[in-house]
Protein backbone atom coordinates (compact mmCIF):
# COMPACT_ATOMS: atom_id res chain seq x y z
CA MET A 1 53.47 -21.68 41.61
CA THR A 2 52.08 -18.42 40.30
CA GLY A 3 50.53 -17.48 43.62
CA ILE A 4 47.01 -17.09 42.21
CA THR A 5 44.40 -18.09 44.73
CA VAL A 6 40.64 -18.97 44.39
CA GLY A 7 39.69 -15.68 46.12
CA SER A 8 41.48 -13.60 43.50
CA LEU A 9 39.63 -15.33 40.65
CA ARG A 10 36.12 -14.50 41.98
CA PRO A 11 36.10 -10.78 41.13
CA LEU A 12 37.46 -11.60 37.60
CA SER A 13 34.68 -14.17 37.02
CA ARG A 14 32.01 -11.75 38.26
CA SER A 15 33.31 -8.97 35.98
CA ARG A 16 33.27 -11.36 33.02
CA GLY A 17 29.70 -12.38 33.94
CA LYS A 18 28.67 -8.73 33.96
CA GLU A 19 30.30 -8.15 30.61
CA SER A 20 28.63 -11.16 29.06
CA ARG A 21 25.19 -10.10 30.26
CA ARG A 22 25.91 -6.59 28.93
CA GLU A 23 26.93 -8.02 25.58
CA ARG A 24 23.66 -10.04 25.39
CA LEU A 25 21.53 -7.03 26.35
CA THR A 26 23.19 -4.52 24.06
CA PRO A 27 21.52 -5.64 20.78
CA TYR A 28 18.10 -5.48 22.43
CA LEU A 29 18.82 -1.93 23.67
CA TYR A 30 19.68 -0.85 20.14
CA ILE A 31 16.36 -2.06 18.70
CA ALA A 32 14.31 -1.10 21.77
CA PRO A 33 13.42 2.40 20.49
CA PHE A 34 11.77 1.02 17.35
CA PHE A 35 9.58 -1.39 19.35
CA LEU A 36 8.80 1.31 21.83
CA ILE A 37 7.67 3.77 19.13
CA PHE A 38 5.75 0.91 17.45
CA ALA A 39 3.99 0.02 20.60
CA ILE A 40 2.99 3.67 21.27
CA PHE A 41 1.97 4.74 17.72
CA GLY A 42 1.14 1.38 16.11
CA LEU A 43 0.04 -1.30 18.56
CA PHE A 44 -1.76 0.83 21.09
CA PRO A 45 -4.04 2.66 18.48
CA LEU A 46 -4.74 -0.81 16.91
CA VAL A 47 -5.81 -2.40 20.18
CA PHE A 48 -7.77 0.74 21.24
CA THR A 49 -9.66 0.71 17.94
CA GLY A 50 -10.73 -2.84 18.65
CA VAL A 51 -11.89 -1.83 22.09
CA VAL A 52 -13.79 1.19 20.83
CA SER A 53 -15.64 -0.97 18.28
CA LEU A 54 -17.30 -2.78 21.20
CA PHE A 55 -18.87 0.50 22.56
CA ASN A 56 -21.34 3.12 21.48
CA TRP A 57 -18.53 5.64 21.54
CA ALA A 58 -19.22 9.28 20.85
CA PRO A 59 -16.67 12.00 21.60
CA LEU A 60 -19.18 14.42 23.19
CA GLN A 61 -20.65 11.84 25.55
CA THR A 62 -19.45 11.31 29.08
CA THR A 63 -20.41 7.66 29.10
CA HIS A 64 -19.83 5.01 26.41
CA PRO A 65 -22.32 2.10 26.68
CA PHE A 66 -20.96 -1.31 25.98
CA VAL A 67 -22.77 -2.89 22.97
CA GLY A 68 -20.59 -5.93 22.26
CA LEU A 69 -20.80 -6.93 18.60
CA GLN A 70 -23.74 -4.73 17.77
CA ASN A 71 -21.56 -2.38 15.65
CA TYR A 72 -20.38 -5.34 13.55
CA ARG A 73 -23.94 -6.55 13.11
CA THR A 74 -24.95 -3.05 11.94
CA MET A 75 -21.97 -2.99 9.66
CA LEU A 76 -22.97 -6.33 7.93
CA GLY A 77 -26.49 -4.93 7.31
CA ASP A 78 -25.40 -1.61 6.10
CA PRO A 79 -25.70 -1.27 2.26
CA LEU A 80 -23.12 1.54 2.22
CA PHE A 81 -20.52 -0.84 3.77
CA TRP A 82 -20.90 -3.37 0.98
CA LYS A 83 -20.97 -0.65 -1.66
CA ALA A 84 -17.71 0.74 -0.20
CA ILE A 85 -16.16 -2.74 -0.35
CA ARG A 86 -17.19 -3.08 -4.08
CA ASN A 87 -15.82 0.38 -4.95
CA THR A 88 -12.59 -0.27 -3.01
CA PHE A 89 -11.92 -3.57 -4.72
CA THR A 90 -12.81 -2.16 -8.14
CA ILE A 91 -10.43 0.76 -7.79
CA PHE A 92 -7.82 -1.54 -6.25
CA LEU A 93 -7.87 -4.08 -9.10
CA ALA A 94 -8.11 -1.37 -11.79
CA SER A 95 -5.00 0.32 -10.54
CA THR A 96 -2.82 -2.52 -9.06
CA ILE A 97 -2.87 -5.10 -11.86
CA PRO A 98 -2.13 -2.69 -14.72
CA GLY A 99 0.29 -0.83 -12.35
CA ILE A 100 2.46 -3.84 -11.82
CA ALA A 101 2.56 -4.59 -15.52
CA ILE A 102 3.48 -0.94 -16.39
CA SER A 103 6.11 -0.86 -13.73
CA MET A 104 7.74 -4.03 -14.90
CA LEU A 105 7.72 -2.70 -18.50
CA LEU A 106 9.41 0.56 -17.45
CA ALA A 107 11.96 -1.28 -15.38
CA VAL A 108 12.89 -3.52 -18.29
CA VAL A 109 13.24 -0.44 -20.52
CA LEU A 110 15.50 1.32 -17.98
CA SER A 111 17.63 -1.73 -17.60
CA ASN A 112 18.57 -1.66 -21.20
CA ARG A 113 22.27 -1.03 -21.42
CA SER A 114 22.01 1.02 -24.63
CA LEU A 115 19.57 3.51 -22.98
CA ARG A 116 21.07 7.08 -22.64
CA ALA A 117 20.50 9.47 -19.78
CA LYS A 118 19.46 6.70 -17.37
CA ASN A 119 19.66 8.88 -14.33
CA PHE A 120 17.40 11.54 -15.90
CA TRP A 121 14.73 8.98 -16.72
CA ARG A 122 14.94 7.48 -13.20
CA MET A 123 14.45 11.00 -11.76
CA VAL A 124 11.45 11.58 -14.06
CA LEU A 125 9.83 8.36 -12.87
CA LEU A 126 10.10 9.49 -9.26
CA VAL A 127 8.54 12.96 -9.84
CA PRO A 128 4.92 11.73 -9.73
CA ASN A 129 5.48 10.03 -6.41
CA VAL A 130 6.87 13.15 -4.70
CA THR A 131 4.15 15.48 -6.13
CA PRO A 132 1.58 16.26 -3.49
CA VAL A 133 -1.70 14.39 -3.85
CA VAL A 134 -3.66 17.62 -3.72
CA THR A 135 -1.76 18.93 -6.81
CA VAL A 136 -2.27 15.64 -8.57
CA THR A 137 -6.01 15.65 -7.91
CA LEU A 138 -6.43 19.25 -9.10
CA VAL A 139 -4.53 18.59 -12.29
CA PHE A 140 -6.51 15.48 -13.07
CA GLY A 141 -9.74 17.28 -12.12
CA SER A 142 -8.87 19.84 -14.84
CA ILE A 143 -7.92 17.22 -17.38
CA PHE A 144 -11.15 15.28 -16.83
CA GLY A 145 -13.44 18.34 -16.55
CA GLN A 146 -16.96 17.85 -17.90
CA GLN A 147 -17.19 21.05 -19.88
CA TYR A 148 -13.49 22.01 -20.27
CA GLY A 149 -10.06 20.42 -20.42
CA PRO A 150 -8.38 18.23 -23.00
CA ILE A 151 -10.63 15.24 -22.63
CA ALA A 152 -13.75 17.41 -23.00
CA SER A 153 -12.27 18.98 -26.14
CA VAL A 154 -11.50 15.60 -27.69
CA LEU A 155 -15.11 14.50 -27.03
CA GLN A 156 -16.44 17.60 -28.55
CA LEU A 157 -14.24 17.11 -31.71
CA LEU A 158 -15.57 13.54 -32.01
CA HIS A 159 -19.17 14.86 -31.50
CA LEU A 160 -19.57 12.59 -28.38
CA PRO A 161 -21.52 13.57 -25.34
CA SER A 162 -19.63 15.00 -22.35
CA ILE A 163 -18.89 12.77 -19.35
CA ASP A 164 -19.43 13.84 -15.79
CA TRP A 165 -16.34 12.17 -14.47
CA SER A 166 -16.83 13.21 -10.86
CA GLY A 167 -20.63 13.03 -10.84
CA GLY A 168 -22.91 10.07 -10.67
CA ASN A 169 -21.07 7.87 -13.18
CA ALA A 170 -19.43 5.16 -11.10
CA VAL A 171 -17.33 3.76 -13.98
CA ALA A 172 -15.97 7.15 -14.94
CA ALA A 173 -15.11 8.26 -11.39
CA GLN A 174 -13.44 5.05 -10.51
CA PHE A 175 -11.55 5.08 -13.79
CA VAL A 176 -10.08 8.49 -13.11
CA ILE A 177 -9.12 7.65 -9.53
CA ALA A 178 -7.40 4.49 -10.82
CA VAL A 179 -5.45 6.51 -13.35
CA MET A 180 -4.32 8.90 -10.67
CA ILE A 181 -3.02 6.05 -8.57
CA LEU A 182 -1.26 4.52 -11.62
CA TRP A 183 0.38 7.77 -12.42
CA ARG A 184 1.62 8.28 -8.83
CA TRP A 185 2.91 4.74 -8.14
CA SER A 186 4.00 3.11 -11.37
CA GLY A 187 7.32 4.97 -11.50
CA TYR A 188 8.11 4.23 -7.87
CA ASN A 189 7.47 0.45 -8.31
CA ALA A 190 9.44 0.58 -11.54
CA LEU A 191 12.49 1.80 -9.70
CA ILE A 192 12.14 -1.04 -7.14
CA TYR A 193 11.90 -3.61 -9.91
CA LEU A 194 14.91 -1.96 -11.69
CA ALA A 195 17.05 -2.40 -8.57
CA ALA A 196 16.02 -5.99 -8.39
CA ILE A 197 16.84 -6.63 -12.09
CA GLN A 198 20.24 -5.01 -11.71
CA ALA A 199 21.00 -7.37 -8.85
CA VAL A 200 20.56 -10.43 -11.04
CA PRO A 201 24.04 -11.87 -11.78
CA ASP A 202 25.25 -11.22 -15.29
CA SER A 203 26.45 -14.86 -15.60
CA LEU A 204 22.81 -16.01 -15.75
CA TYR A 205 22.12 -13.79 -18.68
CA GLU A 206 25.26 -14.95 -20.40
CA SER A 207 24.27 -18.63 -19.94
CA ALA A 208 20.87 -17.85 -21.36
CA GLU A 209 22.44 -16.14 -24.33
CA LEU A 210 24.77 -19.01 -24.99
CA ASP A 211 21.77 -21.37 -24.89
CA GLY A 212 20.12 -19.34 -27.65
CA ALA A 213 17.36 -17.85 -25.51
CA GLY A 214 15.62 -14.74 -26.87
CA ARG A 215 14.65 -11.71 -24.89
CA TRP A 216 11.25 -12.92 -23.86
CA ARG A 217 12.61 -16.40 -22.91
CA THR A 218 15.40 -14.69 -20.86
CA PHE A 219 12.92 -12.45 -19.18
CA SER A 220 10.50 -15.21 -18.25
CA SER A 221 13.14 -17.85 -17.34
CA VAL A 222 15.79 -15.70 -15.73
CA THR A 223 14.59 -12.23 -14.77
CA LEU A 224 11.19 -13.07 -13.37
CA PRO A 225 12.24 -16.02 -11.11
CA MET A 226 15.14 -14.01 -9.73
CA ILE A 227 13.02 -10.91 -8.81
CA ARG A 228 10.10 -12.90 -7.57
CA PRO A 229 10.54 -11.78 -3.91
CA THR A 230 10.62 -8.17 -5.04
CA ILE A 231 7.35 -8.68 -7.01
CA LEU A 232 5.80 -10.27 -3.95
CA PHE A 233 6.87 -7.28 -1.81
CA SER A 234 5.40 -4.77 -4.22
CA VAL A 235 2.14 -6.79 -4.54
CA VAL A 236 1.71 -6.91 -0.71
CA THR A 237 2.47 -3.15 -0.34
CA SER A 238 0.22 -2.35 -3.28
CA THR A 239 -2.54 -4.33 -1.70
CA ILE A 240 -2.21 -2.61 1.60
CA GLY A 241 -2.12 0.83 -0.03
CA GLY A 242 -4.85 0.05 -2.58
CA LEU A 243 -7.35 -0.97 0.17
CA GLN A 244 -6.59 2.31 1.99
CA ILE A 245 -7.45 4.66 -0.88
CA PHE A 246 -8.70 7.89 0.73
CA THR A 247 -7.22 11.18 -0.59
CA GLU A 248 -7.88 10.70 -4.31
CA PRO A 249 -11.67 9.99 -4.00
CA LEU A 250 -12.09 12.54 -1.26
CA LEU A 251 -10.64 15.38 -3.27
CA PHE A 252 -11.89 14.28 -6.71
CA THR A 253 -15.52 13.70 -5.59
CA THR A 254 -16.98 14.59 -2.15
CA PRO A 255 -16.46 13.32 1.42
CA GLN A 256 -19.38 10.98 0.73
CA GLY A 257 -17.70 9.55 -2.46
CA GLY A 258 -19.87 11.51 -4.90
CA ALA A 259 -23.57 12.17 -5.35
CA ASN A 260 -24.37 8.41 -5.62
CA ASN A 261 -21.52 7.23 -3.45
CA GLN A 262 -19.93 6.00 -6.64
CA ALA A 263 -16.34 6.53 -5.35
CA LEU A 264 -17.06 5.69 -1.67
CA THR A 265 -14.24 3.55 -0.31
CA LEU A 266 -13.79 1.93 3.04
CA THR A 267 -11.50 4.62 4.39
CA LEU A 268 -13.93 7.30 3.23
CA LEU A 269 -16.74 5.47 4.99
CA ILE A 270 -14.67 5.26 8.23
CA TYR A 271 -13.89 9.00 7.94
CA GLY A 272 -17.52 9.90 7.39
CA GLN A 273 -18.85 7.78 10.25
CA ALA A 274 -16.21 9.09 12.68
CA PHE A 275 -15.93 12.78 11.93
CA ASN A 276 -19.25 13.54 10.21
CA SER A 277 -21.72 11.34 12.17
CA PHE A 278 -19.50 11.06 15.30
CA LYS A 279 -20.11 7.33 15.45
CA PHE A 280 -16.60 6.40 16.55
CA GLY A 281 -17.70 2.90 17.67
CA TYR A 282 -19.21 2.04 14.28
CA ALA A 283 -16.23 3.57 12.47
CA SER A 284 -13.84 1.46 14.53
CA ALA A 285 -15.74 -1.64 13.66
CA ILE A 286 -15.35 -0.81 9.87
CA ALA A 287 -11.66 -0.17 10.57
CA VAL A 288 -11.23 -3.59 12.17
CA ALA A 289 -13.02 -5.19 9.21
CA LEU A 290 -10.65 -3.35 6.84
CA LEU A 291 -7.73 -4.76 8.83
CA GLY A 292 -9.09 -8.23 8.50
CA VAL A 293 -9.49 -7.82 4.75
CA VAL A 294 -5.87 -6.64 4.40
CA LEU A 295 -4.52 -9.57 6.47
CA VAL A 296 -6.56 -12.08 4.42
CA LEU A 297 -5.28 -10.72 1.13
CA ALA A 298 -1.71 -10.59 2.44
CA ALA A 299 -2.01 -14.25 3.51
CA VAL A 300 -3.38 -15.11 0.08
CA ASN A 301 -0.44 -13.34 -1.55
CA PHE A 302 2.12 -15.26 0.58
CA GLY A 303 0.29 -18.52 -0.14
CA ILE A 304 0.39 -17.96 -3.88
CA ALA A 305 4.05 -17.10 -3.65
CA ARG A 306 4.84 -20.24 -1.68
CA LEU A 307 2.97 -22.37 -4.32
CA ILE A 308 4.94 -20.68 -7.11
CA ARG A 309 8.21 -21.37 -5.36
CA SER A 310 7.42 -25.02 -4.77
CA ALA A 311 6.22 -25.47 -8.40
């Protein structure tokens, strides 16, 4: 007999029970700071915005009357709201669709094995993204000046009338804003696509080459299917960012989106209603509507991706 009794086993079993509980709780403690920060700076402002949208909330008032869904009814009857939606989607489509195509083209060029100074070109692509938005807007404002700048000089040489890019011309203003977004984000997305392309196994390309597939066939049958999750990721992030366009139209035109609101976006409208008109309740209602639009488009993107996978 070893002389071990039941009483001597109880402390050991209790210590093992404490260790197992500690082991189960340890992973949650590691990720707890993220969820705590998200709850404070992400979830609480989101919920509070929804609450404020149900009140006639003004910062200088001591009381905030409850109005229910009145702010949402006012929003649906506001012509500026629908104009802001049209402008936002126009700029979003004009910058996102060409941007994805340009980024994919740049990624394919950078993935060429015969390309020299690859690190240099990758660094060059990242420079527009790290350049301050204020600087980008000032430079583009000079390029697309009505009476001066390279674009105005070219129009004068061709004996064409000058264009007021930041004035009342909606097409011109939205075009310049879309070009600014393209210039800033095409290189960044190209590097993401490049990383995905480089992760594709070389054996797949070798098999395609043995089968006699050309470059386009290899790209469409091997590269695109393998980097489809990355493309979906960039489409979702571009959708979220494209619907929150704020700095470019604010600095290129006016806080009202130009003389005729030709560049007024949803975020500019929220900013104007909150900090110019001090209608925080109405601005919160527009913010909730913007959140709904983003969620709907994200769900559509995921649905399309699921259909493509099952096809």
